[in-house]
mmCIF file of all heavy atoms, coordinates in Angstrom:
data_MODEL
# 
_entry.id   MODEL 
# 
loop_
_atom_site.group_PDB 
_atom_site.id 
_atom_site.type_symbol 
_atom_site.label_atom_id 
_atom_site.label_alt_id 
_atom_site.label_comp_id 
_atom_site.label_asym_id 
_atom_site.label_entity_id 
_atom_site.label_seq_id 
_atom_site.pdbx_PDB_ins_code 
_atom_site.Cartn_x 
_atom_site.Cartn_y 
_atom_site.Cartn_z 
_atom_site.occupancy 
_atom_site.B_iso_or_equiv 
_atom_site.pdbx_formal_charge 
_atom_site.auth_seq_id 
_atom_site.auth_comp_id 
_atom_site.auth_asym_id 
_atom_site.auth_atom_id 
_atom_site.pdbx_PDB_model_num 
ATOM 1   N N   . GLU A 1 1  ? 111.209 -0.342 53.650 1.00 0.00 ? 1  GLU A N   1 
ATOM 2   C CA  . GLU A 1 1  ? 112.421 -1.125 53.438 1.00 0.00 ? 1  GLU A CA  1 
ATOM 3   C C   . GLU A 1 1  ? 112.923 -1.015 52.008 1.00 0.00 ? 1  GLU A C   1 
ATOM 4   O O   . GLU A 1 1  ? 114.120 -1.099 51.751 1.00 0.00 ? 1  GLU A O   1 
ATOM 5   C CB  . GLU A 1 1  ? 112.169 -2.595 53.785 1.00 0.00 ? 1  GLU A CB  1 
ATOM 6   C CG  . GLU A 1 1  ? 111.973 -2.861 55.258 1.00 0.00 ? 1  GLU A CG  1 
ATOM 7   C CD  . GLU A 1 1  ? 111.926 -4.346 55.572 1.00 0.00 ? 1  GLU A CD  1 
ATOM 8   O OE1 . GLU A 1 1  ? 112.476 -5.137 54.790 1.00 0.00 ? 1  GLU A OE1 1 
ATOM 9   O OE2 . GLU A 1 1  ? 111.325 -4.709 56.587 1.00 0.00 ? 1  GLU A OE2 1 
ATOM 10  N N   . ILE A 1 2  ? 112.007 -0.824 51.067 1.00 0.00 ? 2  ILE A N   1 
ATOM 11  C CA  . ILE A 1 2  ? 112.376 -0.707 49.661 1.00 0.00 ? 2  ILE A CA  1 
ATOM 12  C C   . ILE A 1 2  ? 112.907 0.683  49.341 1.00 0.00 ? 2  ILE A C   1 
ATOM 13  O O   . ILE A 1 2  ? 113.934 0.842  48.673 1.00 0.00 ? 2  ILE A O   1 
ATOM 14  C CB  . ILE A 1 2  ? 111.158 -1.024 48.764 1.00 0.00 ? 2  ILE A CB  1 
ATOM 15  C CG1 . ILE A 1 2  ? 110.778 -2.499 48.892 1.00 0.00 ? 2  ILE A CG1 1 
ATOM 16  C CG2 . ILE A 1 2  ? 111.434 -0.659 47.306 1.00 0.00 ? 2  ILE A CG2 1 
ATOM 17  C CD1 . ILE A 1 2  ? 109.468 -2.854 48.226 1.00 0.00 ? 2  ILE A CD1 1 
ATOM 18  N N   . ASN A 1 3  ? 112.191 1.703  49.784 1.00 0.00 ? 3  ASN A N   1 
ATOM 19  C CA  . ASN A 1 3  ? 112.537 3.089  49.471 1.00 0.00 ? 3  ASN A CA  1 
ATOM 20  C C   . ASN A 1 3  ? 112.387 3.914  50.737 1.00 0.00 ? 3  ASN A C   1 
ATOM 21  O O   . ASN A 1 3  ? 111.291 4.358  51.082 1.00 0.00 ? 3  ASN A O   1 
ATOM 22  C CB  . ASN A 1 3  ? 111.630 3.614  48.352 1.00 0.00 ? 3  ASN A CB  1 
ATOM 23  C CG  . ASN A 1 3  ? 111.951 5.038  47.958 1.00 0.00 ? 3  ASN A CG  1 
ATOM 24  O OD1 . ASN A 1 3  ? 112.704 5.744  48.631 1.00 0.00 ? 3  ASN A OD1 1 
ATOM 25  N ND2 . ASN A 1 3  ? 111.368 5.488  46.850 1.00 0.00 ? 3  ASN A ND2 1 
ATOM 26  N N   . HIS A 1 4  ? 113.489 4.099  51.417 1.00 0.00 ? 4  HIS A N   1 
ATOM 27  C CA  . HIS A 1 4  ? 113.497 4.776  52.718 1.00 0.00 ? 4  HIS A CA  1 
ATOM 28  C C   . HIS A 1 4  ? 113.037 6.231  52.615 1.00 0.00 ? 4  HIS A C   1 
ATOM 29  O O   . HIS A 1 4  ? 112.607 6.828  53.611 1.00 0.00 ? 4  HIS A O   1 
ATOM 30  C CB  . HIS A 1 4  ? 114.907 4.705  53.305 1.00 0.00 ? 4  HIS A CB  1 
ATOM 31  C CG  . HIS A 1 4  ? 115.022 5.244  54.696 1.00 0.00 ? 4  HIS A CG  1 
ATOM 32  N ND1 . HIS A 1 4  ? 114.408 4.645  55.784 1.00 0.00 ? 4  HIS A ND1 1 
ATOM 33  C CD2 . HIS A 1 4  ? 115.655 6.344  55.180 1.00 0.00 ? 4  HIS A CD2 1 
ATOM 34  C CE1 . HIS A 1 4  ? 114.679 5.339  56.880 1.00 0.00 ? 4  HIS A CE1 1 
ATOM 35  N NE2 . HIS A 1 4  ? 115.427 6.364  56.546 1.00 0.00 ? 4  HIS A NE2 1 
ATOM 36  N N   . PHE A 1 5  ? 113.117 6.807  51.406 1.00 0.00 ? 5  PHE A N   1 
ATOM 37  C CA  . PHE A 1 5  ? 112.826 8.229  51.239 1.00 0.00 ? 5  PHE A CA  1 
ATOM 38  C C   . PHE A 1 5  ? 111.461 8.486  50.625 1.00 0.00 ? 5  PHE A C   1 
ATOM 39  O O   . PHE A 1 5  ? 111.097 9.627  50.364 1.00 0.00 ? 5  PHE A O   1 
ATOM 40  C CB  . PHE A 1 5  ? 113.922 8.866  50.376 1.00 0.00 ? 5  PHE A CB  1 
ATOM 41  C CG  . PHE A 1 5  ? 115.292 8.619  50.921 1.00 0.00 ? 5  PHE A CG  1 
ATOM 42  C CD1 . PHE A 1 5  ? 116.132 7.690  50.323 1.00 0.00 ? 5  PHE A CD1 1 
ATOM 43  C CD2 . PHE A 1 5  ? 115.737 9.271  52.059 1.00 0.00 ? 5  PHE A CD2 1 
ATOM 44  C CE1 . PHE A 1 5  ? 117.397 7.440  50.834 1.00 0.00 ? 5  PHE A CE1 1 
ATOM 45  C CE2 . PHE A 1 5  ? 116.989 9.021  52.593 1.00 0.00 ? 5  PHE A CE2 1 
ATOM 46  C CZ  . PHE A 1 5  ? 117.832 8.102  51.977 1.00 0.00 ? 5  PHE A CZ  1 
ATOM 47  N N   . LEU A 1 6  ? 110.697 7.444  50.409 1.00 0.00 ? 6  LEU A N   1 
ATOM 48  C CA  . LEU A 1 6  ? 109.357 7.567  49.863 1.00 0.00 ? 6  LEU A CA  1 
ATOM 49  C C   . LEU A 1 6  ? 108.420 8.201  50.890 1.00 0.00 ? 6  LEU A C   1 
ATOM 50  O O   . LEU A 1 6  ? 108.377 7.784  52.046 1.00 0.00 ? 6  LEU A O   1 
ATOM 51  C CB  . LEU A 1 6  ? 108.845 6.177  49.473 1.00 0.00 ? 6  LEU A CB  1 
ATOM 52  C CG  . LEU A 1 6  ? 107.389 6.027  49.046 1.00 0.00 ? 6  LEU A CG  1 
ATOM 53  C CD1 . LEU A 1 6  ? 107.132 6.797  47.757 1.00 0.00 ? 6  LEU A CD1 1 
ATOM 54  C CD2 . LEU A 1 6  ? 107.062 4.547  48.849 1.00 0.00 ? 6  LEU A CD2 1 
ATOM 55  N N   . GLU A 1 7  ? 107.655 9.205  50.461 1.00 0.00 ? 7  GLU A N   1 
ATOM 56  C CA  . GLU A 1 7  ? 106.649 9.797  51.338 1.00 0.00 ? 7  GLU A CA  1 
ATOM 57  C C   . GLU A 1 7  ? 105.386 8.948  51.256 1.00 0.00 ? 7  GLU A C   1 
ATOM 58  O O   . GLU A 1 7  ? 104.897 8.648  50.165 1.00 0.00 ? 7  GLU A O   1 
ATOM 59  C CB  . GLU A 1 7  ? 106.339 11.232 50.922 1.00 0.00 ? 7  GLU A CB  1 
ATOM 60  C CG  . GLU A 1 7  ? 105.380 11.943 51.872 1.00 0.00 ? 7  GLU A CG  1 
ATOM 61  C CD  . GLU A 1 7  ? 105.109 13.391 51.497 1.00 0.00 ? 7  GLU A CD  1 
ATOM 62  O OE1 . GLU A 1 7  ? 105.779 13.907 50.580 1.00 0.00 ? 7  GLU A OE1 1 
ATOM 63  O OE2 . GLU A 1 7  ? 104.213 13.996 52.129 1.00 0.00 ? 7  GLU A OE2 1 
ATOM 64  N N   . LEU A 1 8  ? 104.864 8.572  52.409 1.00 0.00 ? 8  LEU A N   1 
ATOM 65  C CA  . LEU A 1 8  ? 103.729 7.665  52.460 1.00 0.00 ? 8  LEU A CA  1 
ATOM 66  C C   . LEU A 1 8  ? 102.610 8.233  53.315 1.00 0.00 ? 8  LEU A C   1 
ATOM 67  O O   . LEU A 1 8  ? 102.855 8.804  54.377 1.00 0.00 ? 8  LEU A O   1 
ATOM 68  C CB  . LEU A 1 8  ? 104.163 6.312  53.040 1.00 0.00 ? 8  LEU A CB  1 
ATOM 69  C CG  . LEU A 1 8  ? 105.137 5.489  52.197 1.00 0.00 ? 8  LEU A CG  1 
ATOM 70  C CD1 . LEU A 1 8  ? 105.796 4.402  53.046 1.00 0.00 ? 8  LEU A CD1 1 
ATOM 71  C CD2 . LEU A 1 8  ? 104.424 4.873  50.999 1.00 0.00 ? 8  LEU A CD2 1 
ATOM 72  N N   . LYS A 1 9  ? 101.382 8.044  52.826 1.00 0.00 ? 9  LYS A N   1 
ATOM 73  C CA  . LYS A 1 9  ? 100.196 8.402  53.595 1.00 0.00 ? 9  LYS A CA  1 
ATOM 74  C C   . LYS A 1 9  ? 99.225  7.246  53.503 1.00 0.00 ? 9  LYS A C   1 
ATOM 75  O O   . LYS A 1 9  ? 98.829  6.835  52.415 1.00 0.00 ? 9  LYS A O   1 
ATOM 76  C CB  . LYS A 1 9  ? 99.549  9.675  53.033 1.00 0.00 ? 9  LYS A CB  1 
ATOM 77  C CG  . LYS A 1 9  ? 98.295  10.116 53.765 1.00 0.00 ? 9  LYS A CG  1 
ATOM 78  C CD  . LYS A 1 9  ? 98.594  10.569 55.187 1.00 0.00 ? 9  LYS A CD  1 
ATOM 79  C CE  . LYS A 1 9  ? 97.366  11.126 55.871 1.00 0.00 ? 9  LYS A CE  1 
ATOM 80  N NZ  . LYS A 1 9  ? 97.660  11.544 57.264 1.00 0.00 ? 9  LYS A NZ  1 
ATOM 81  N N   . ALA A 1 10 ? 98.854  6.671  54.638 1.00 0.00 ? 10 ALA A N   1 
ATOM 82  C CA  . ALA A 1 10 ? 97.975  5.513  54.659 1.00 0.00 ? 10 ALA A CA  1 
ATOM 83  C C   . ALA A 1 10 ? 96.633  5.864  55.283 1.00 0.00 ? 10 ALA A C   1 
ATOM 84  O O   . ALA A 1 10 ? 96.568  6.594  56.286 1.00 0.00 ? 10 ALA A O   1 
ATOM 85  C CB  . ALA A 1 10 ? 98.624  4.371  55.433 1.00 0.00 ? 10 ALA A CB  1 
ATOM 86  N N   . HIS A 1 11 ? 95.577  5.338  54.697 1.00 0.00 ? 11 HIS A N   1 
ATOM 87  C CA  . HIS A 1 11 ? 94.219  5.514  55.217 1.00 0.00 ? 11 HIS A CA  1 
ATOM 88  C C   . HIS A 1 11 ? 93.599  4.135  55.389 1.00 0.00 ? 11 HIS A C   1 
ATOM 89  O O   . HIS A 1 11 ? 93.313  3.451  54.399 1.00 0.00 ? 11 HIS A O   1 
ATOM 90  C CB  . HIS A 1 11 ? 93.363  6.338  54.256 1.00 0.00 ? 11 HIS A CB  1 
ATOM 91  C CG  . HIS A 1 11 ? 93.883  7.716  53.994 1.00 0.00 ? 11 HIS A CG  1 
ATOM 92  N ND1 . HIS A 1 11 ? 93.709  8.755  54.895 1.00 0.00 ? 11 HIS A ND1 1 
ATOM 93  C CD2 . HIS A 1 11 ? 94.583  8.225  52.951 1.00 0.00 ? 11 HIS A CD2 1 
ATOM 94  C CE1 . HIS A 1 11 ? 94.264  9.853  54.404 1.00 0.00 ? 11 HIS A CE1 1 
ATOM 95  N NE2 . HIS A 1 11 ? 94.793  9.560  53.226 1.00 0.00 ? 11 HIS A NE2 1 
ATOM 96  N N   . THR A 1 12 ? 93.404  3.727  56.619 1.00 0.00 ? 12 THR A N   1 
ATOM 97  C CA  . THR A 1 12 ? 92.822  2.417  56.895 1.00 0.00 ? 12 THR A CA  1 
ATOM 98  C C   . THR A 1 12 ? 91.308  2.571  56.986 1.00 0.00 ? 12 THR A C   1 
ATOM 99  O O   . THR A 1 12 ? 90.707  2.540  58.066 1.00 0.00 ? 12 THR A O   1 
ATOM 100 C CB  . THR A 1 12 ? 93.410  1.830  58.196 1.00 0.00 ? 12 THR A CB  1 
ATOM 101 O OG1 . THR A 1 12 ? 94.842  1.867  58.111 1.00 0.00 ? 12 THR A OG1 1 
ATOM 102 C CG2 . THR A 1 12 ? 92.971  0.385  58.382 1.00 0.00 ? 12 THR A CG2 1 
ATOM 103 N N   . VAL A 1 13 ? 90.717  2.753  55.827 1.00 0.00 ? 13 VAL A N   1 
ATOM 104 C CA  . VAL A 1 13 ? 89.272  2.981  55.726 1.00 0.00 ? 13 VAL A CA  1 
ATOM 105 C C   . VAL A 1 13 ? 88.775  2.361  54.421 1.00 0.00 ? 13 VAL A C   1 
ATOM 106 O O   . VAL A 1 13 ? 89.545  2.092  53.515 1.00 0.00 ? 13 VAL A O   1 
ATOM 107 C CB  . VAL A 1 13 ? 88.916  4.482  55.732 1.00 0.00 ? 13 VAL A CB  1 
ATOM 108 C CG1 . VAL A 1 13 ? 89.298  5.135  57.046 1.00 0.00 ? 13 VAL A CG1 1 
ATOM 109 C CG2 . VAL A 1 13 ? 89.567  5.198  54.552 1.00 0.00 ? 13 VAL A CG2 1 
ATOM 110 N N   . ARG A 1 14 ? 87.483  2.182  54.344 1.00 0.00 ? 14 ARG A N   1 
ATOM 111 C CA  . ARG A 1 14 ? 86.848  1.794  53.085 1.00 0.00 ? 14 ARG A CA  1 
ATOM 112 C C   . ARG A 1 14 ? 86.527  3.077  52.311 1.00 0.00 ? 14 ARG A C   1 
ATOM 113 O O   . ARG A 1 14 ? 85.874  3.976  52.836 1.00 0.00 ? 14 ARG A O   1 
ATOM 114 C CB  . ARG A 1 14 ? 85.563  1.018  53.349 1.00 0.00 ? 14 ARG A CB  1 
ATOM 115 C CG  . ARG A 1 14 ? 84.909  0.448  52.086 1.00 0.00 ? 14 ARG A CG  1 
ATOM 116 C CD  . ARG A 1 14 ? 83.531  -0.100 52.404 1.00 0.00 ? 14 ARG A CD  1 
ATOM 117 N NE  . ARG A 1 14 ? 83.574  -1.246 53.299 1.00 0.00 ? 14 ARG A NE  1 
ATOM 118 C CZ  . ARG A 1 14 ? 83.685  -2.522 52.891 1.00 0.00 ? 14 ARG A CZ  1 
ATOM 119 N NH1 . ARG A 1 14 ? 83.781  -2.796 51.598 1.00 0.00 ? 14 ARG A NH1 1 
ATOM 120 N NH2 . ARG A 1 14 ? 83.697  -3.496 53.783 1.00 0.00 ? 14 ARG A NH2 1 
ATOM 121 N N   . ILE A 1 15 ? 86.968  3.150  51.079 1.00 0.00 ? 15 ILE A N   1 
ATOM 122 C CA  . ILE A 1 15 ? 86.698  4.342  50.283 1.00 0.00 ? 15 ILE A CA  1 
ATOM 123 C C   . ILE A 1 15 ? 85.236  4.344  49.849 1.00 0.00 ? 15 ILE A C   1 
ATOM 124 O O   . ILE A 1 15 ? 84.698  3.324  49.427 1.00 0.00 ? 15 ILE A O   1 
ATOM 125 C CB  . ILE A 1 15 ? 87.653  4.433  49.073 1.00 0.00 ? 15 ILE A CB  1 
ATOM 126 C CG1 . ILE A 1 15 ? 87.559  5.798  48.410 1.00 0.00 ? 15 ILE A CG1 1 
ATOM 127 C CG2 . ILE A 1 15 ? 87.424  3.309  48.093 1.00 0.00 ? 15 ILE A CG2 1 
ATOM 128 C CD1 . ILE A 1 15 ? 88.683  6.069  47.429 1.00 0.00 ? 15 ILE A CD1 1 
ATOM 129 N N   . THR A 1 16 ? 84.588  5.483  49.994 1.00 0.00 ? 16 THR A N   1 
ATOM 130 C CA  . THR A 1 16 ? 83.166  5.608  49.696 1.00 0.00 ? 16 THR A CA  1 
ATOM 131 C C   . THR A 1 16 ? 82.915  6.896  48.912 1.00 0.00 ? 16 THR A C   1 
ATOM 132 O O   . THR A 1 16 ? 83.813  7.736  48.760 1.00 0.00 ? 16 THR A O   1 
ATOM 133 C CB  . THR A 1 16 ? 82.330  5.651  50.987 1.00 0.00 ? 16 THR A CB  1 
ATOM 134 O OG1 . THR A 1 16 ? 82.636  6.871  51.698 1.00 0.00 ? 16 THR A OG1 1 
ATOM 135 C CG2 . THR A 1 16 ? 82.613  4.451  51.880 1.00 0.00 ? 16 THR A CG2 1 
ATOM 136 N N   . GLU A 1 17 ? 81.687  7.057  48.481 1.00 0.00 ? 17 GLU A N   1 
ATOM 137 C CA  . GLU A 1 17 ? 81.305  8.291  47.801 1.00 0.00 ? 17 GLU A CA  1 
ATOM 138 C C   . GLU A 1 17 ? 81.467  9.494  48.718 1.00 0.00 ? 17 GLU A C   1 
ATOM 139 O O   . GLU A 1 17 ? 81.733  10.603 48.261 1.00 0.00 ? 17 GLU A O   1 
ATOM 140 C CB  . GLU A 1 17 ? 79.858  8.194  47.320 1.00 0.00 ? 17 GLU A CB  1 
ATOM 141 C CG  . GLU A 1 17 ? 79.626  7.138  46.246 1.00 0.00 ? 17 GLU A CG  1 
ATOM 142 C CD  . GLU A 1 17 ? 78.173  7.060  45.831 1.00 0.00 ? 17 GLU A CD  1 
ATOM 143 O OE1 . GLU A 1 17 ? 77.358  7.860  46.351 1.00 0.00 ? 17 GLU A OE1 1 
ATOM 144 O OE2 . GLU A 1 17 ? 77.845  6.203  44.996 1.00 0.00 ? 17 GLU A OE2 1 
ATOM 145 N N   . GLN A 1 18 ? 81.325  9.269  50.013 1.00 0.00 ? 18 GLN A N   1 
ATOM 146 C CA  . GLN A 1 18 ? 81.383  10.366 50.979 1.00 0.00 ? 18 GLN A CA  1 
ATOM 147 C C   . GLN A 1 18 ? 82.815  10.808 51.301 1.00 0.00 ? 18 GLN A C   1 
ATOM 148 O O   . GLN A 1 18 ? 83.062  11.991 51.552 1.00 0.00 ? 18 GLN A O   1 
ATOM 149 C CB  . GLN A 1 18 ? 80.674  9.968  52.280 1.00 0.00 ? 18 GLN A CB  1 
ATOM 150 C CG  . GLN A 1 18 ? 79.160  9.868  52.168 1.00 0.00 ? 18 GLN A CG  1 
ATOM 151 C CD  . GLN A 1 18 ? 78.686  8.678  51.350 1.00 0.00 ? 18 GLN A CD  1 
ATOM 152 O OE1 . GLN A 1 18 ? 79.254  7.577  51.458 1.00 0.00 ? 18 GLN A OE1 1 
ATOM 153 N NE2 . GLN A 1 18 ? 77.677  8.884  50.532 1.00 0.00 ? 18 GLN A NE2 1 
ATOM 154 N N   . ASN A 1 19 ? 83.773  9.870  51.307 1.00 0.00 ? 19 ASN A N   1 
ATOM 155 C CA  . ASN A 1 19 ? 85.130  10.248 51.727 1.00 0.00 ? 19 ASN A CA  1 
ATOM 156 C C   . ASN A 1 19 ? 86.136  10.299 50.585 1.00 0.00 ? 19 ASN A C   1 
ATOM 157 O O   . ASN A 1 19 ? 87.283  10.696 50.779 1.00 0.00 ? 19 ASN A O   1 
ATOM 158 C CB  . ASN A 1 19 ? 85.638  9.309  52.827 1.00 0.00 ? 19 ASN A CB  1 
ATOM 159 C CG  . ASN A 1 19 ? 85.780  7.865  52.366 1.00 0.00 ? 19 ASN A CG  1 
ATOM 160 O OD1 . ASN A 1 19 ? 85.792  7.563  51.189 1.00 0.00 ? 19 ASN A OD1 1 
ATOM 161 N ND2 . ASN A 1 19 ? 85.878  6.953  53.340 1.00 0.00 ? 19 ASN A ND2 1 
ATOM 162 N N   . ALA A 1 20 ? 85.738  9.899  49.389 1.00 0.00 ? 20 ALA A N   1 
ATOM 163 C CA  . ALA A 1 20 ? 86.693  9.791  48.283 1.00 0.00 ? 20 ALA A CA  1 
ATOM 164 C C   . ALA A 1 20 ? 87.369  11.116 47.952 1.00 0.00 ? 20 ALA A C   1 
ATOM 165 O O   . ALA A 1 20 ? 88.581  11.171 47.731 1.00 0.00 ? 20 ALA A O   1 
ATOM 166 C CB  . ALA A 1 20 ? 86.000  9.233  47.047 1.00 0.00 ? 20 ALA A CB  1 
ATOM 167 N N   . ALA A 1 21 ? 86.614  12.181 47.909 1.00 0.00 ? 21 ALA A N   1 
ATOM 168 C CA  . ALA A 1 21 ? 87.185  13.477 47.541 1.00 0.00 ? 21 ALA A CA  1 
ATOM 169 C C   . ALA A 1 21 ? 88.299  13.894 48.491 1.00 0.00 ? 21 ALA A C   1 
ATOM 170 O O   . ALA A 1 21 ? 89.358  14.367 48.063 1.00 0.00 ? 21 ALA A O   1 
ATOM 171 C CB  . ALA A 1 21 ? 86.084  14.540 47.507 1.00 0.00 ? 21 ALA A CB  1 
ATOM 172 N N   . GLU A 1 22 ? 88.094  13.688 49.779 1.00 0.00 ? 22 GLU A N   1 
ATOM 173 C CA  . GLU A 1 22 ? 89.107  14.054 50.771 1.00 0.00 ? 22 GLU A CA  1 
ATOM 174 C C   . GLU A 1 22 ? 90.322  13.124 50.677 1.00 0.00 ? 22 GLU A C   1 
ATOM 175 O O   . GLU A 1 22 ? 91.472  13.582 50.734 1.00 0.00 ? 22 GLU A O   1 
ATOM 176 C CB  . GLU A 1 22 ? 88.507  13.999 52.169 1.00 0.00 ? 22 GLU A CB  1 
ATOM 177 C CG  . GLU A 1 22 ? 89.482  14.347 53.280 1.00 0.00 ? 22 GLU A CG  1 
ATOM 178 C CD  . GLU A 1 22 ? 89.986  15.782 53.222 1.00 0.00 ? 22 GLU A CD  1 
ATOM 179 O OE1 . GLU A 1 22 ? 89.292  16.637 52.629 1.00 0.00 ? 22 GLU A OE1 1 
ATOM 180 O OE2 . GLU A 1 22 ? 91.068  16.042 53.762 1.00 0.00 ? 22 GLU A OE2 1 
ATOM 181 N N   . LEU A 1 23 ? 90.083  11.822 50.515 1.00 0.00 ? 23 LEU A N   1 
ATOM 182 C CA  . LEU A 1 23 ? 91.179  10.860 50.463 1.00 0.00 ? 23 LEU A CA  1 
ATOM 183 C C   . LEU A 1 23 ? 92.067  11.053 49.240 1.00 0.00 ? 23 LEU A C   1 
ATOM 184 O O   . LEU A 1 23 ? 93.280  10.829 49.298 1.00 0.00 ? 23 LEU A O   1 
ATOM 185 C CB  . LEU A 1 23 ? 90.621  9.431  50.464 1.00 0.00 ? 23 LEU A CB  1 
ATOM 186 C CG  . LEU A 1 23 ? 89.889  8.969  51.726 1.00 0.00 ? 23 LEU A CG  1 
ATOM 187 C CD1 . LEU A 1 23 ? 89.289  7.588  51.502 1.00 0.00 ? 23 LEU A CD1 1 
ATOM 188 C CD2 . LEU A 1 23 ? 90.834  8.949  52.921 1.00 0.00 ? 23 LEU A CD2 1 
ATOM 189 N N   . LEU A 1 24 ? 91.478  11.460 48.131 1.00 0.00 ? 24 LEU A N   1 
ATOM 190 C CA  . LEU A 1 24 ? 92.191  11.492 46.849 1.00 0.00 ? 24 LEU A CA  1 
ATOM 191 C C   . LEU A 1 24 ? 92.566  12.896 46.396 1.00 0.00 ? 24 LEU A C   1 
ATOM 192 O O   . LEU A 1 24 ? 93.127  13.058 45.308 1.00 0.00 ? 24 LEU A O   1 
ATOM 193 C CB  . LEU A 1 24 ? 91.325  10.827 45.773 1.00 0.00 ? 24 LEU A CB  1 
ATOM 194 C CG  . LEU A 1 24 ? 90.929  9.375  46.038 1.00 0.00 ? 24 LEU A CG  1 
ATOM 195 C CD1 . LEU A 1 24 ? 89.941  8.896  44.985 1.00 0.00 ? 24 LEU A CD1 1 
ATOM 196 C CD2 . LEU A 1 24 ? 92.151  8.476  46.070 1.00 0.00 ? 24 LEU A CD2 1 
ATOM 197 N N   . LYS A 1 25 ? 92.321  13.897 47.203 1.00 0.00 ? 25 LYS A N   1 
ATOM 198 C CA  . LYS A 1 25 ? 92.487  15.283 46.762 1.00 0.00 ? 25 LYS A CA  1 
ATOM 199 C C   . LYS A 1 25 ? 93.919  15.608 46.350 1.00 0.00 ? 25 LYS A C   1 
ATOM 200 O O   . LYS A 1 25 ? 94.136  16.458 45.463 1.00 0.00 ? 25 LYS A O   1 
ATOM 201 C CB  . LYS A 1 25 ? 92.021  16.242 47.862 1.00 0.00 ? 25 LYS A CB  1 
ATOM 202 C CG  . LYS A 1 25 ? 92.847  16.179 49.140 1.00 0.00 ? 25 LYS A CG  1 
ATOM 203 C CD  . LYS A 1 25 ? 92.308  17.164 50.183 1.00 0.00 ? 25 LYS A CD  1 
ATOM 204 C CE  . LYS A 1 25 ? 93.160  17.121 51.449 1.00 0.00 ? 25 LYS A CE  1 
ATOM 205 N NZ  . LYS A 1 25 ? 92.652  18.065 52.489 1.00 0.00 ? 25 LYS A NZ  1 
ATOM 206 N N   . ASP A 1 26 ? 94.915  14.965 46.948 1.00 0.00 ? 26 ASP A N   1 
ATOM 207 C CA  . ASP A 1 26 ? 96.310  15.301 46.653 1.00 0.00 ? 26 ASP A CA  1 
ATOM 208 C C   . ASP A 1 26 ? 96.916  14.453 45.544 1.00 0.00 ? 26 ASP A C   1 
ATOM 209 O O   . ASP A 1 26 ? 98.062  14.682 45.139 1.00 0.00 ? 26 ASP A O   1 
ATOM 210 C CB  . ASP A 1 26 ? 97.163  15.152 47.915 1.00 0.00 ? 26 ASP A CB  1 
ATOM 211 C CG  . ASP A 1 26 ? 96.784  16.145 48.999 1.00 0.00 ? 26 ASP A CG  1 
ATOM 212 O OD1 . ASP A 1 26 ? 96.336  17.251 48.643 1.00 0.00 ? 26 ASP A OD1 1 
ATOM 213 O OD2 . ASP A 1 26 ? 96.913  15.807 50.189 1.00 0.00 ? 26 ASP A OD2 1 
# 
């Protein structure tokens, strides 16, 4: 609603040592 053109990627997970690299790579 604030910025219709904003690119968004959501991850409904708890960030951990195991998944952090994949979640934050970009």
